[in-house]
Amino acid sequence: MLNRLANTIVVLDFETTGLSPATGDRAIEIGAVRLQNGVVVDSFQQLMNPGQRVNSFIEQYTGISNEMLADAPSCEQVMNDFADYIGDDNLLAHNASFDKKFLDAELQRVGRSYSGQFACSLLVSRRVYQDAPNHRLGTLVKYKDIASDGDFHRALFDSQMTAKLWLEILSDIETKYQIEQVDFNLIKKLSSLSKAKVDGYLRSIS
């Protein structure tokens, strides 16, 4: 598991009723794509009814209305299906601490878990693209001139864009430092380094 390549991973994104499951917020949409050897091989997308009304800010921010959620399956049903989808793959999200909180909370409600480890494209992008104006997903998509045709803050589109950005990051590391293929261990190490140490570390292993 730990030596699996970084380009074989499930990229996921949640839309939610708020910022924290600790204060009662729930997931309202999950989107994910599976990368195998750098190729998108399948995807998962589902709205889910959180059992509570969504406030007007979240409706406007995501474009997901209470009417859209009224007939959606329950969080419990969707998260059981998503646990099956993940399998034992490693996981990736942009600002992964946010998505991991909701994944953990929603899976705990249904007694499910996952065996893969999380990586964060936000943390890695801060180290690889230190000259970027900022490291929000939309900014980095523009910074790397990645084609995009859809709406940010919808889960499947955000996961698709994160996957494209991730492959750019891996390609840039491999090209600049002449590393044949980036594995997941390298990504975990990179995420823990200070920005000042990144270049020296990557040069030391190339």
N, C-alpha and C. Protein backbone atom coordinates (compact mmCIF):
# COMPACT_ATOMS: atom_id res chain seq x y z
N MET A 1 0.83 -1.21 0.00
CA MET A 1 0.00 0.00 0.00
C MET A 1 0.86 1.25 0.00
N LEU A 2 1.86 1.33 0.87
CA LEU A 2 2.62 2.56 1.00
C LEU A 2 3.47 2.87 -0.23
N ASN A 3 3.79 1.84 -1.02
CA ASN A 3 4.63 2.06 -2.20
C ASN A 3 3.82 2.27 -3.46
N ARG A 4 2.50 2.30 -3.33
CA ARG A 4 1.67 2.50 -4.52
C ARG A 4 2.00 3.84 -5.17
N LEU A 5 1.95 3.88 -6.47
CA LEU A 5 2.26 5.11 -7.19
C LEU A 5 1.25 6.20 -6.85
N ALA A 6 1.73 7.44 -6.86
CA ALA A 6 0.88 8.57 -6.51
C ALA A 6 -0.16 8.87 -7.58
N ASN A 7 0.00 8.29 -8.78
CA ASN A 7 -0.98 8.54 -9.84
C ASN A 7 -2.05 7.45 -9.89
N THR A 8 -2.09 6.59 -8.88
CA THR A 8 -3.16 5.60 -8.73
C THR A 8 -3.84 5.90 -7.40
N ILE A 9 -5.02 6.53 -7.49
CA ILE A 9 -5.59 7.16 -6.29
C ILE A 9 -7.05 7.53 -6.56
N VAL A 10 -7.85 7.63 -5.52
CA VAL A 10 -9.22 8.14 -5.64
C VAL A 10 -9.22 9.60 -5.21
N VAL A 11 -9.64 10.48 -6.13
CA VAL A 11 -9.69 11.92 -5.88
C VAL A 11 -11.12 12.27 -5.52
N LEU A 12 -11.34 12.88 -4.36
CA LEU A 12 -12.71 13.11 -3.91
C LEU A 12 -12.94 14.55 -3.47
N ASP A 13 -14.22 14.91 -3.43
CA ASP A 13 -14.61 16.24 -2.97
C ASP A 13 -16.02 16.16 -2.40
N PHE A 14 -16.22 16.84 -1.28
CA PHE A 14 -17.54 16.95 -0.66
C PHE A 14 -18.08 18.36 -0.82
N GLU A 15 -19.39 18.46 -1.00
CA GLU A 15 -20.12 19.69 -0.71
C GLU A 15 -20.92 19.41 0.57
N THR A 16 -21.04 20.41 1.42
CA THR A 16 -21.57 20.18 2.77
C THR A 16 -22.49 21.33 3.20
N THR A 17 -23.18 21.11 4.32
CA THR A 17 -24.06 22.16 4.84
C THR A 17 -23.29 23.25 5.57
N GLY A 18 -22.01 23.02 5.87
CA GLY A 18 -21.21 23.99 6.60
C GLY A 18 -19.78 23.50 6.73
N LEU A 19 -19.08 24.04 7.71
CA LEU A 19 -17.63 23.83 7.79
C LEU A 19 -17.18 22.65 8.63
N SER A 20 -18.04 22.15 9.51
CA SER A 20 -17.53 21.14 10.44
C SER A 20 -18.60 20.14 10.87
N PRO A 21 -18.32 18.85 10.73
CA PRO A 21 -19.26 17.85 11.25
C PRO A 21 -19.35 17.90 12.78
N ALA A 22 -18.35 18.47 13.43
CA ALA A 22 -18.36 18.56 14.89
C ALA A 22 -19.48 19.47 15.39
N THR A 23 -19.96 20.38 14.53
CA THR A 23 -21.05 21.27 14.91
C THR A 23 -22.36 20.88 14.23
N GLY A 24 -22.41 19.64 13.73
CA GLY A 24 -23.66 19.13 13.18
C GLY A 24 -23.80 19.24 11.68
N ASP A 25 -22.78 19.75 10.99
CA ASP A 25 -22.87 19.86 9.54
C ASP A 25 -22.78 18.48 8.89
N ARG A 26 -23.44 18.35 7.74
CA ARG A 26 -23.50 17.07 7.03
C ARG A 26 -23.08 17.26 5.58
N ALA A 27 -22.76 16.15 4.96
CA ALA A 27 -22.46 16.15 3.53
C ALA A 27 -23.76 16.24 2.73
N ILE A 28 -23.70 16.96 1.60
CA ILE A 28 -24.85 17.01 0.69
C ILE A 28 -24.51 16.51 -0.70
N GLU A 29 -23.23 16.37 -1.01
CA GLU A 29 -22.84 15.81 -2.30
C GLU A 29 -21.43 15.24 -2.19
N ILE A 30 -21.21 14.11 -2.85
CA ILE A 30 -19.88 13.53 -2.96
C ILE A 30 -19.58 13.34 -4.44
N GLY A 31 -18.37 13.70 -4.84
CA GLY A 31 -17.91 13.45 -6.19
C GLY A 31 -16.50 12.87 -6.11
N ALA A 32 -16.19 11.95 -7.00
CA ALA A 32 -14.86 11.34 -6.99
C ALA A 32 -14.52 10.80 -8.36
N VAL A 33 -13.24 10.77 -8.65
CA VAL A 33 -12.73 10.07 -9.84
C VAL A 33 -11.60 9.16 -9.40
N ARG A 34 -11.49 8.03 -10.08
CA ARG A 34 -10.40 7.09 -9.79
C ARG A 34 -9.34 7.19 -10.88
N LEU A 35 -8.11 7.47 -10.44
CA LEU A 35 -6.96 7.45 -11.35
C LEU A 35 -6.24 6.11 -11.21
N GLN A 36 -5.93 5.51 -12.34
CA GLN A 36 -5.07 4.33 -12.37
C GLN A 36 -3.95 4.60 -13.35
N ASN A 37 -2.72 4.65 -12.83
CA ASN A 37 -1.56 4.96 -13.65
C ASN A 37 -1.76 6.24 -14.46
N GLY A 38 -2.36 7.24 -13.80
CA GLY A 38 -2.51 8.55 -14.41
C GLY A 38 -3.68 8.70 -15.36
N VAL A 39 -4.56 7.73 -15.40
CA VAL A 39 -5.71 7.78 -16.30
C VAL A 39 -6.99 7.68 -15.48
N VAL A 40 -7.97 8.56 -15.77
CA VAL A 40 -9.27 8.47 -15.11
C VAL A 40 -10.01 7.27 -15.67
N VAL A 41 -10.33 6.31 -14.79
CA VAL A 41 -10.97 5.08 -15.27
C VAL A 41 -12.45 5.01 -14.87
N ASP A 42 -12.86 5.75 -13.85
CA ASP A 42 -14.28 5.80 -13.52
C ASP A 42 -14.55 6.96 -12.56
N SER A 43 -15.81 7.17 -12.26
CA SER A 43 -16.17 8.29 -11.39
C SER A 43 -17.38 7.92 -10.55
N PHE A 44 -17.62 8.75 -9.52
CA PHE A 44 -18.73 8.55 -8.59
C PHE A 44 -19.29 9.93 -8.27
N GLN A 45 -20.61 10.09 -8.37
CA GLN A 45 -21.22 11.36 -8.00
C GLN A 45 -22.61 11.10 -7.46
N GLN A 46 -22.95 11.75 -6.33
CA GLN A 46 -24.28 11.58 -5.79
C GLN A 46 -24.63 12.70 -4.83
N LEU A 47 -25.78 13.32 -5.05
CA LEU A 47 -26.36 14.18 -4.02
C LEU A 47 -26.85 13.31 -2.88
N MET A 48 -26.94 13.88 -1.68
CA MET A 48 -27.47 13.11 -0.55
C MET A 48 -28.26 14.02 0.37
N ASN A 49 -29.34 13.49 0.87
CA ASN A 49 -30.23 14.24 1.75
C ASN A 49 -29.67 14.20 3.17
N PRO A 50 -29.31 15.36 3.73
CA PRO A 50 -28.68 15.37 5.05
C PRO A 50 -29.68 15.34 6.21
N GLY A 51 -30.96 15.35 5.90
CA GLY A 51 -31.96 15.34 6.96
C GLY A 51 -32.13 16.69 7.63
N GLN A 52 -31.63 17.74 7.00
CA GLN A 52 -31.78 19.10 7.51
C GLN A 52 -31.78 20.06 6.34
N ARG A 53 -32.36 21.23 6.55
CA ARG A 53 -32.39 22.21 5.46
C ARG A 53 -31.02 22.84 5.27
N VAL A 54 -30.74 23.18 4.03
CA VAL A 54 -29.50 23.86 3.67
C VAL A 54 -29.78 25.36 3.66
N ASN A 55 -28.87 26.14 4.25
CA ASN A 55 -29.13 27.59 4.30
C ASN A 55 -28.90 28.24 2.94
N SER A 56 -29.37 29.46 2.81
CA SER A 56 -29.35 30.14 1.50
C SER A 56 -27.93 30.40 1.02
N PHE A 57 -26.99 30.62 1.92
CA PHE A 57 -25.60 30.83 1.50
C PHE A 57 -25.06 29.58 0.82
N ILE A 58 -25.27 28.41 1.41
CA ILE A 58 -24.78 27.16 0.81
C ILE A 58 -25.50 26.89 -0.50
N GLU A 59 -26.81 27.17 -0.56
CA GLU A 59 -27.53 26.99 -1.82
C GLU A 59 -26.90 27.84 -2.92
N GLN A 60 -26.58 29.09 -2.62
CA GLN A 60 -26.00 29.98 -3.62
C GLN A 60 -24.57 29.58 -3.94
N TYR A 61 -23.80 29.20 -2.94
CA TYR A 61 -22.38 28.85 -3.10
C TYR A 61 -22.20 27.61 -3.96
N THR A 62 -23.06 26.61 -3.73
CA THR A 62 -22.89 25.33 -4.43
C THR A 62 -23.84 25.17 -5.62
N GLY A 63 -24.94 25.91 -5.62
CA GLY A 63 -25.97 25.68 -6.62
C GLY A 63 -26.84 24.48 -6.29
N ILE A 64 -26.68 23.92 -5.09
CA ILE A 64 -27.48 22.77 -4.66
C ILE A 64 -28.61 23.28 -3.77
N SER A 65 -29.84 23.10 -4.22
CA SER A 65 -30.99 23.65 -3.49
C SER A 65 -31.63 22.58 -2.61
N ASN A 66 -32.43 23.04 -1.66
CA ASN A 66 -33.19 22.11 -0.83
C ASN A 66 -34.12 21.25 -1.67
N GLU A 67 -34.64 21.81 -2.76
CA GLU A 67 -35.51 21.04 -3.65
C GLU A 67 -34.74 19.90 -4.30
N MET A 68 -33.50 20.15 -4.68
CA MET A 68 -32.67 19.10 -5.30
C MET A 68 -32.39 17.97 -4.31
N LEU A 69 -32.26 18.32 -3.05
CA LEU A 69 -31.91 17.33 -2.04
C LEU A 69 -33.11 16.55 -1.52
N ALA A 70 -34.31 17.10 -1.74
CA ALA A 70 -35.51 16.50 -1.14
C ALA A 70 -35.68 15.04 -1.56
N ASP A 71 -35.40 14.74 -2.82
CA ASP A 71 -35.59 13.38 -3.33
C ASP A 71 -34.30 12.59 -3.43
N ALA A 72 -33.21 13.16 -2.91
CA ALA A 72 -31.92 12.46 -2.96
C ALA A 72 -31.90 11.34 -1.92
N PRO A 73 -31.11 10.30 -2.15
CA PRO A 73 -30.97 9.26 -1.13
C PRO A 73 -30.31 9.80 0.12
N SER A 74 -30.45 9.09 1.21
CA SER A 74 -29.89 9.53 2.49
C SER A 74 -28.37 9.49 2.46
N CYS A 75 -27.76 10.28 3.36
CA CYS A 75 -26.31 10.23 3.52
C CYS A 75 -25.85 8.80 3.80
N GLU A 76 -26.61 8.10 4.63
CA GLU A 76 -26.21 6.74 5.02
C GLU A 76 -26.14 5.82 3.82
N GLN A 77 -27.13 5.89 2.95
CA GLN A 77 -27.13 5.03 1.76
C GLN A 77 -25.97 5.37 0.84
N VAL A 78 -25.78 6.68 0.60
CA VAL A 78 -24.71 7.11 -0.33
C VAL A 78 -23.34 6.76 0.23
N MET A 79 -23.14 6.96 1.52
CA MET A 79 -21.81 6.72 2.08
C MET A 79 -21.48 5.23 2.15
N ASN A 80 -22.48 4.38 2.31
CA ASN A 80 -22.24 2.94 2.18
C ASN A 80 -21.77 2.59 0.78
N ASP A 81 -22.43 3.18 -0.22
CA ASP A 81 -22.02 2.95 -1.60
C ASP A 81 -20.62 3.49 -1.86
N PHE A 82 -20.32 4.66 -1.27
CA PHE A 82 -19.02 5.27 -1.52
C PHE A 82 -17.90 4.48 -0.83
N ALA A 83 -18.17 3.93 0.34
CA ALA A 83 -17.18 3.08 1.00
C ALA A 83 -16.82 1.89 0.13
N ASP A 84 -17.84 1.31 -0.54
CA ASP A 84 -17.57 0.22 -1.47
C ASP A 84 -16.72 0.71 -2.64
N TYR A 85 -17.01 1.93 -3.12
CA TYR A 85 -16.30 2.48 -4.27
C TYR A 85 -14.81 2.71 -3.96
N ILE A 86 -14.52 3.22 -2.78
CA ILE A 86 -13.13 3.53 -2.43
C ILE A 86 -12.26 2.29 -2.46
N GLY A 87 -12.78 1.18 -1.97
CA GLY A 87 -11.95 -0.01 -1.86
C GLY A 87 -10.76 0.25 -0.95
N ASP A 88 -9.57 -0.19 -1.38
CA ASP A 88 -8.37 0.04 -0.56
C ASP A 88 -7.43 1.06 -1.20
N ASP A 89 -7.97 1.87 -2.11
CA ASP A 89 -7.12 2.88 -2.77
C ASP A 89 -6.73 4.00 -1.80
N ASN A 90 -5.60 4.62 -2.07
CA ASN A 90 -5.25 5.86 -1.39
C ASN A 90 -6.17 6.98 -1.87
N LEU A 91 -6.24 8.06 -1.10
CA LEU A 91 -7.22 9.11 -1.33
C LEU A 91 -6.54 10.47 -1.44
N LEU A 92 -7.15 11.34 -2.22
CA LEU A 92 -6.62 12.68 -2.45
C LEU A 92 -7.76 13.68 -2.46
N ALA A 93 -7.53 14.85 -1.86
CA ALA A 93 -8.47 15.97 -1.97
C ALA A 93 -7.68 17.26 -1.91
N HIS A 94 -8.28 18.33 -2.43
CA HIS A 94 -7.68 19.65 -2.32
C HIS A 94 -8.18 20.26 -1.02
N ASN A 95 -7.25 20.56 -0.11
CA ASN A 95 -7.58 20.89 1.28
C ASN A 95 -8.17 19.65 1.94
N ALA A 96 -7.37 18.59 1.96
CA ALA A 96 -7.85 17.27 2.38
C ALA A 96 -8.33 17.24 3.82
N SER A 97 -7.82 18.12 4.69
CA SER A 97 -8.27 18.09 6.09
C SER A 97 -9.78 18.32 6.18
N PHE A 98 -10.32 19.14 5.30
CA PHE A 98 -11.77 19.40 5.28
C PHE A 98 -12.52 18.15 4.85
N ASP A 99 -12.14 17.60 3.70
CA ASP A 99 -12.87 16.45 3.16
C ASP A 99 -12.70 15.22 4.03
N LYS A 100 -11.52 15.04 4.62
CA LYS A 100 -11.29 13.89 5.49
C LYS A 100 -12.19 13.94 6.72
N LYS A 101 -12.40 15.15 7.28
CA LYS A 101 -13.29 15.29 8.43
C LYS A 101 -14.69 14.78 8.10
N PHE A 102 -15.20 15.17 6.94
CA PHE A 102 -16.55 14.76 6.57
C PHE A 102 -16.60 13.29 6.17
N LEU A 103 -15.58 12.81 5.47
CA LEU A 103 -15.54 11.39 5.13
C LEU A 103 -15.54 10.54 6.39
N ASP A 104 -14.68 10.89 7.33
CA ASP A 104 -14.60 10.12 8.58
C ASP A 104 -15.92 10.17 9.34
N ALA A 105 -16.51 11.35 9.45
CA ALA A 105 -17.75 11.50 10.22
C ALA A 105 -18.90 10.74 9.58
N GLU A 106 -19.03 10.87 8.26
CA GLU A 106 -20.16 10.21 7.59
C GLU A 106 -19.97 8.69 7.57
N LEU A 107 -18.76 8.21 7.41
CA LEU A 107 -18.55 6.76 7.43
C LEU A 107 -18.74 6.19 8.83
N GLN A 108 -18.34 6.97 9.83
CA GLN A 108 -18.54 6.51 11.21
C GLN A 108 -20.01 6.29 11.51
N ARG A 109 -20.85 7.12 10.94
CA ARG A 109 -22.30 6.98 11.16
C ARG A 109 -22.83 5.65 10.65
N VAL A 110 -22.20 5.10 9.64
CA VAL A 110 -22.69 3.84 9.06
C VAL A 110 -21.76 2.67 9.38
N GLY A 111 -20.82 2.90 10.29
CA GLY A 111 -19.96 1.82 10.72
C GLY A 111 -18.99 1.33 9.67
N ARG A 112 -18.58 2.22 8.78
CA ARG A 112 -17.64 1.84 7.71
C ARG A 112 -16.32 2.59 7.91
N SER A 113 -15.28 2.12 7.23
CA SER A 113 -13.96 2.76 7.31
C SER A 113 -13.24 2.54 5.99
N TYR A 114 -12.01 3.01 5.91
CA TYR A 114 -11.21 2.82 4.70
C TYR A 114 -9.77 2.55 5.12
N SER A 115 -9.03 1.88 4.26
CA SER A 115 -7.66 1.48 4.61
C SER A 115 -6.59 2.33 3.92
N GLY A 116 -6.98 3.10 2.91
CA GLY A 116 -6.02 3.94 2.21
C GLY A 116 -5.59 5.14 3.04
N GLN A 117 -4.53 5.80 2.59
CA GLN A 117 -4.05 7.02 3.24
C GLN A 117 -4.45 8.24 2.40
N PHE A 118 -4.50 9.39 3.07
CA PHE A 118 -4.87 10.64 2.41
C PHE A 118 -3.64 11.43 1.98
N ALA A 119 -3.73 12.03 0.81
CA ALA A 119 -2.79 13.06 0.38
C ALA A 119 -3.57 14.33 0.12
N CYS A 120 -2.88 15.48 0.17
CA CYS A 120 -3.53 16.77 -0.01
C CYS A 120 -2.86 17.54 -1.14
N SER A 121 -3.58 17.78 -2.22
CA SER A 121 -3.01 18.52 -3.34
C SER A 121 -2.74 19.97 -2.99
N LEU A 122 -3.48 20.52 -2.02
CA LEU A 122 -3.21 21.88 -1.57
C LEU A 122 -1.83 21.97 -0.91
N LEU A 123 -1.54 21.07 0.02
CA LEU A 123 -0.25 21.09 0.70
C LEU A 123 0.90 20.88 -0.29
N VAL A 124 0.72 19.93 -1.21
CA VAL A 124 1.80 19.65 -2.17
C VAL A 124 1.97 20.82 -3.12
N SER A 125 0.87 21.43 -3.56
CA SER A 125 0.98 22.56 -4.48
C SER A 125 1.72 23.74 -3.85
N ARG A 126 1.55 23.93 -2.55
CA ARG A 126 2.26 25.01 -1.86
C ARG A 126 3.77 24.81 -1.93
N ARG A 127 4.19 23.57 -1.99
CA ARG A 127 5.61 23.27 -2.01
C ARG A 127 6.18 23.23 -3.43
N VAL A 128 5.35 22.80 -4.38
CA VAL A 128 5.82 22.66 -5.77
C VAL A 128 5.65 23.97 -6.54
N TYR A 129 4.56 24.68 -6.30
CA TYR A 129 4.26 25.93 -7.02
C TYR A 129 4.34 27.11 -6.05
N GLN A 130 5.52 27.38 -5.58
CA GLN A 130 5.70 28.41 -4.56
C GLN A 130 5.46 29.81 -5.11
N ASP A 131 5.50 29.98 -6.43
CA ASP A 131 5.28 31.29 -7.03
C ASP A 131 3.82 31.54 -7.44
N ALA A 132 2.94 30.59 -7.21
CA ALA A 132 1.54 30.77 -7.57
C ALA A 132 0.93 31.91 -6.74
N PRO A 133 -0.03 32.66 -7.31
CA PRO A 133 -0.65 33.78 -6.58
C PRO A 133 -1.28 33.33 -5.27
N ASN A 134 -1.95 32.20 -5.28
CA ASN A 134 -2.44 31.52 -4.08
C ASN A 134 -2.65 30.07 -4.48
N HIS A 135 -3.15 29.27 -3.57
CA HIS A 135 -3.22 27.84 -3.85
C HIS A 135 -4.64 27.30 -3.79
N ARG A 136 -5.62 28.18 -4.04
CA ARG A 136 -6.98 27.71 -4.23
C ARG A 136 -7.07 26.92 -5.53
N LEU A 137 -7.99 26.00 -5.58
CA LEU A 137 -8.09 25.12 -6.74
C LEU A 137 -8.29 25.90 -8.03
N GLY A 138 -9.23 26.85 -8.03
CA GLY A 138 -9.50 27.61 -9.24
C GLY A 138 -8.30 28.42 -9.70
N THR A 139 -7.57 28.98 -8.76
CA THR A 139 -6.37 29.75 -9.10
C THR A 139 -5.31 28.86 -9.72
N LEU A 140 -5.10 27.68 -9.16
CA LEU A 140 -4.07 26.78 -9.68
C LEU A 140 -4.45 26.22 -11.05
N VAL A 141 -5.73 26.00 -11.27
CA VAL A 141 -6.18 25.55 -12.60
C VAL A 141 -5.82 26.60 -13.65
N LYS A 142 -6.03 27.87 -13.32
CA LYS A 142 -5.64 28.95 -14.24
C LYS A 142 -4.12 29.07 -14.33
N TYR A 143 -3.42 28.97 -13.20
CA TYR A 143 -1.97 29.09 -13.14
C TYR A 143 -1.29 28.06 -14.04
N LYS A 144 -1.86 26.85 -14.08
CA LYS A 144 -1.29 25.78 -14.90
C LYS A 144 -1.97 25.65 -16.25
N ASP A 145 -2.87 26.59 -16.56
CA ASP A 145 -3.56 26.60 -17.85
C ASP A 145 -4.24 25.27 -18.15
N ILE A 146 -4.95 24.78 -17.14
CA ILE A 146 -5.68 23.52 -17.28
C ILE A 146 -7.08 23.81 -17.82
N ALA A 147 -7.46 23.11 -18.87
CA ALA A 147 -8.79 23.31 -19.46
C ALA A 147 -9.87 22.98 -18.45
N SER A 148 -10.86 23.86 -18.33
CA SER A 148 -11.96 23.61 -17.40
C SER A 148 -13.26 24.11 -18.02
N ASP A 149 -14.29 23.30 -17.91
CA ASP A 149 -15.60 23.67 -18.45
C ASP A 149 -16.67 23.11 -17.51
N GLY A 150 -16.98 23.88 -16.50
CA GLY A 150 -17.95 23.43 -15.50
C GLY A 150 -18.00 24.41 -14.36
N ASP A 151 -18.63 24.01 -13.29
CA ASP A 151 -18.85 24.90 -12.14
C ASP A 151 -18.07 24.40 -10.93
N PHE A 152 -17.14 25.25 -10.45
CA PHE A 152 -16.49 24.95 -9.19
C PHE A 152 -17.53 24.95 -8.07
N HIS A 153 -17.21 24.23 -7.02
CA HIS A 153 -18.08 24.03 -5.85
C HIS A 153 -19.22 23.07 -6.14
N ARG A 154 -19.08 22.27 -7.22
CA ARG A 154 -19.84 21.04 -7.37
C ARG A 154 -18.84 19.91 -7.27
N ALA A 155 -19.23 18.86 -6.56
CA ALA A 155 -18.26 17.87 -6.09
C ALA A 155 -17.55 17.13 -7.23
N LEU A 156 -18.28 16.69 -8.23
CA LEU A 156 -17.63 15.93 -9.30
C LEU A 156 -16.69 16.81 -10.09
N PHE A 157 -17.12 18.02 -10.43
CA PHE A 157 -16.26 18.92 -11.19
C PHE A 157 -14.99 19.25 -10.39
N ASP A 158 -15.14 19.54 -9.12
CA ASP A 158 -13.96 19.86 -8.31
C ASP A 158 -13.01 18.66 -8.23
N SER A 159 -13.55 17.46 -8.12
CA SER A 159 -12.67 16.29 -8.08
C SER A 159 -12.00 16.07 -9.43
N GLN A 160 -12.70 16.33 -10.51
CA GLN A 160 -12.09 16.21 -11.84
C GLN A 160 -10.96 17.22 -12.02
N MET A 161 -11.19 18.45 -11.58
CA MET A 161 -10.15 19.48 -11.70
C MET A 161 -8.97 19.18 -10.78
N THR A 162 -9.26 18.66 -9.59
CA THR A 162 -8.18 18.28 -8.68
C THR A 162 -7.34 17.16 -9.29
N ALA A 163 -8.00 16.21 -9.94
CA ALA A 163 -7.26 15.12 -10.59
C ALA A 163 -6.35 15.65 -11.70
N LYS A 164 -6.86 16.59 -12.51
CA LYS A 164 -6.03 17.17 -13.57
C LYS A 164 -4.85 17.93 -12.99
N LEU A 165 -5.12 18.71 -11.94
CA LEU A 165 -4.04 19.44 -11.28
C LEU A 165 -3.02 18.47 -10.70
N TRP A 166 -3.49 17.40 -10.09
CA TRP A 166 -2.59 16.41 -9.47
C TRP A 166 -1.63 15.81 -10.50
N LEU A 167 -2.16 15.48 -11.66
CA LEU A 167 -1.31 14.90 -12.70
C LEU A 167 -0.29 15.92 -13.20
N GLU A 168 -0.66 17.19 -13.24
CA GLU A 168 0.29 18.25 -13.58
C GLU A 168 1.40 18.33 -12.54
N ILE A 169 1.02 18.29 -11.27
CA ILE A 169 2.01 18.35 -10.19
C ILE A 169 3.00 17.19 -10.30
N LEU A 170 2.46 15.98 -10.46
CA LEU A 170 3.34 14.81 -10.55
C LEU A 170 4.25 14.90 -11.77
N SER A 171 3.70 15.34 -12.89
CA SER A 171 4.50 15.47 -14.11
C SER A 171 5.61 16.51 -13.94
N ASP A 172 5.28 17.61 -13.28
CA ASP A 172 6.28 18.67 -13.09
C ASP A 172 7.40 18.20 -12.16
N ILE A 173 7.06 17.44 -11.13
CA ILE A 173 8.09 16.88 -10.24
C ILE A 173 8.98 15.92 -11.01
N GLU A 174 8.35 15.03 -11.78
CA GLU A 174 9.11 14.02 -12.51
C GLU A 174 10.03 14.65 -13.55
N THR A 175 9.52 15.69 -14.23
CA THR A 175 10.31 16.34 -15.28
C THR A 175 11.46 17.15 -14.70
N LYS A 176 11.15 17.98 -13.71
CA LYS A 176 12.18 18.87 -13.17
C LYS A 176 13.29 18.10 -12.45
N TYR A 177 12.90 17.05 -11.74
CA TYR A 177 13.88 16.34 -10.91
C TYR A 177 14.28 14.98 -11.48
N GLN A 178 13.78 14.70 -12.70
CA GLN A 178 14.13 13.46 -13.40
C GLN A 178 13.89 12.23 -12.52
N ILE A 179 12.72 12.23 -11.91
CA ILE A 179 12.26 11.08 -11.14
C ILE A 179 11.33 10.28 -12.04
N GLU A 180 11.57 9.00 -12.15
CA GLU A 180 10.83 8.21 -13.14
C GLU A 180 9.33 8.20 -12.85
N GLN A 181 8.94 7.84 -11.61
CA GLN A 181 7.54 7.87 -11.22
C GLN A 181 7.46 8.22 -9.73
N VAL A 182 6.60 9.17 -9.42
CA VAL A 182 6.44 9.60 -8.03
C VAL A 182 5.58 8.59 -7.29
N ASP A 183 6.08 8.06 -6.17
CA ASP A 183 5.25 7.16 -5.39
C ASP A 183 4.62 7.89 -4.21
N PHE A 184 3.70 7.20 -3.56
CA PHE A 184 2.91 7.84 -2.51
C PHE A 184 3.76 8.21 -1.30
N ASN A 185 4.78 7.41 -1.03
CA ASN A 185 5.67 7.73 0.09
C ASN A 185 6.35 9.07 -0.10
N LEU A 186 6.78 9.35 -1.33
CA LEU A 186 7.43 10.63 -1.62
C LEU A 186 6.47 11.79 -1.37
N ILE A 187 5.23 11.62 -1.78
CA ILE A 187 4.22 12.67 -1.57
C ILE A 187 4.01 12.93 -0.09
N LYS A 188 3.92 11.89 0.70
CA LYS A 188 3.72 12.06 2.14
C LYS A 188 4.92 12.79 2.76
N LYS A 189 6.12 12.44 2.32
CA LYS A 189 7.32 13.11 2.82
C LYS A 189 7.32 14.57 2.41
N LEU A 190 7.00 14.82 1.14
CA LEU A 190 7.00 16.19 0.61
C LEU A 190 6.02 17.07 1.39
N SER A 191 4.88 16.52 1.73
CA SER A 191 3.85 17.29 2.43
C SER A 191 4.30 17.75 3.81
N SER A 192 5.27 17.04 4.38
CA SER A 192 5.71 17.35 5.73
C SER A 192 6.90 18.30 5.77
N LEU A 193 7.49 18.59 4.60
CA LEU A 193 8.68 19.44 4.57
C LEU A 193 8.31 20.91 4.56
N SER A 194 9.21 21.74 5.08
CA SER A 194 9.07 23.18 4.89
C SER A 194 9.35 23.52 3.43
N LYS A 195 8.80 24.63 2.97
CA LYS A 195 9.00 25.02 1.57
C LYS A 195 10.49 25.14 1.23
N ALA A 196 11.27 25.64 2.16
CA ALA A 196 12.69 25.87 1.91
C ALA A 196 13.46 24.58 1.68
N LYS A 197 12.94 23.47 2.18
CA LYS A 197 13.67 22.21 2.08
C LYS A 197 13.24 21.35 0.90
N VAL A 198 12.20 21.76 0.19
CA VAL A 198 11.63 20.92 -0.86
C VAL A 198 12.62 20.66 -2.00
N ASP A 199 13.22 21.71 -2.53
CA ASP A 199 14.10 21.56 -3.68
C ASP A 199 15.29 20.65 -3.35
N GLY A 200 15.90 20.88 -2.21
CA GLY A 200 17.05 20.06 -1.81
C GLY A 200 16.67 18.61 -1.63
N TYR A 201 15.51 18.36 -1.05
CA TYR A 201 15.07 16.98 -0.85
C TYR A 201 14.85 16.28 -2.19
N LEU A 202 14.15 16.95 -3.10
CA LEU A 202 13.86 16.31 -4.38
C LEU A 202 15.13 16.09 -5.19
N ARG A 203 16.07 17.02 -5.11
CA ARG A 203 17.34 16.83 -5.80
C ARG A 203 18.15 15.68 -5.19
N SER A 204 17.99 15.47 -3.90
CA SER A 204 18.76 14.41 -3.24
C SER A 204 18.30 13.01 -3.62
N ILE A 205 17.07 12.89 -4.08
CA ILE A 205 16.56 11.55 -4.43
C ILE A 205 16.48 11.32 -5.93
N SER A 206 16.77 12.35 -6.72
CA SER A 206 16.68 12.20 -8.17
C SER A 206 17.92 11.53 -8.73
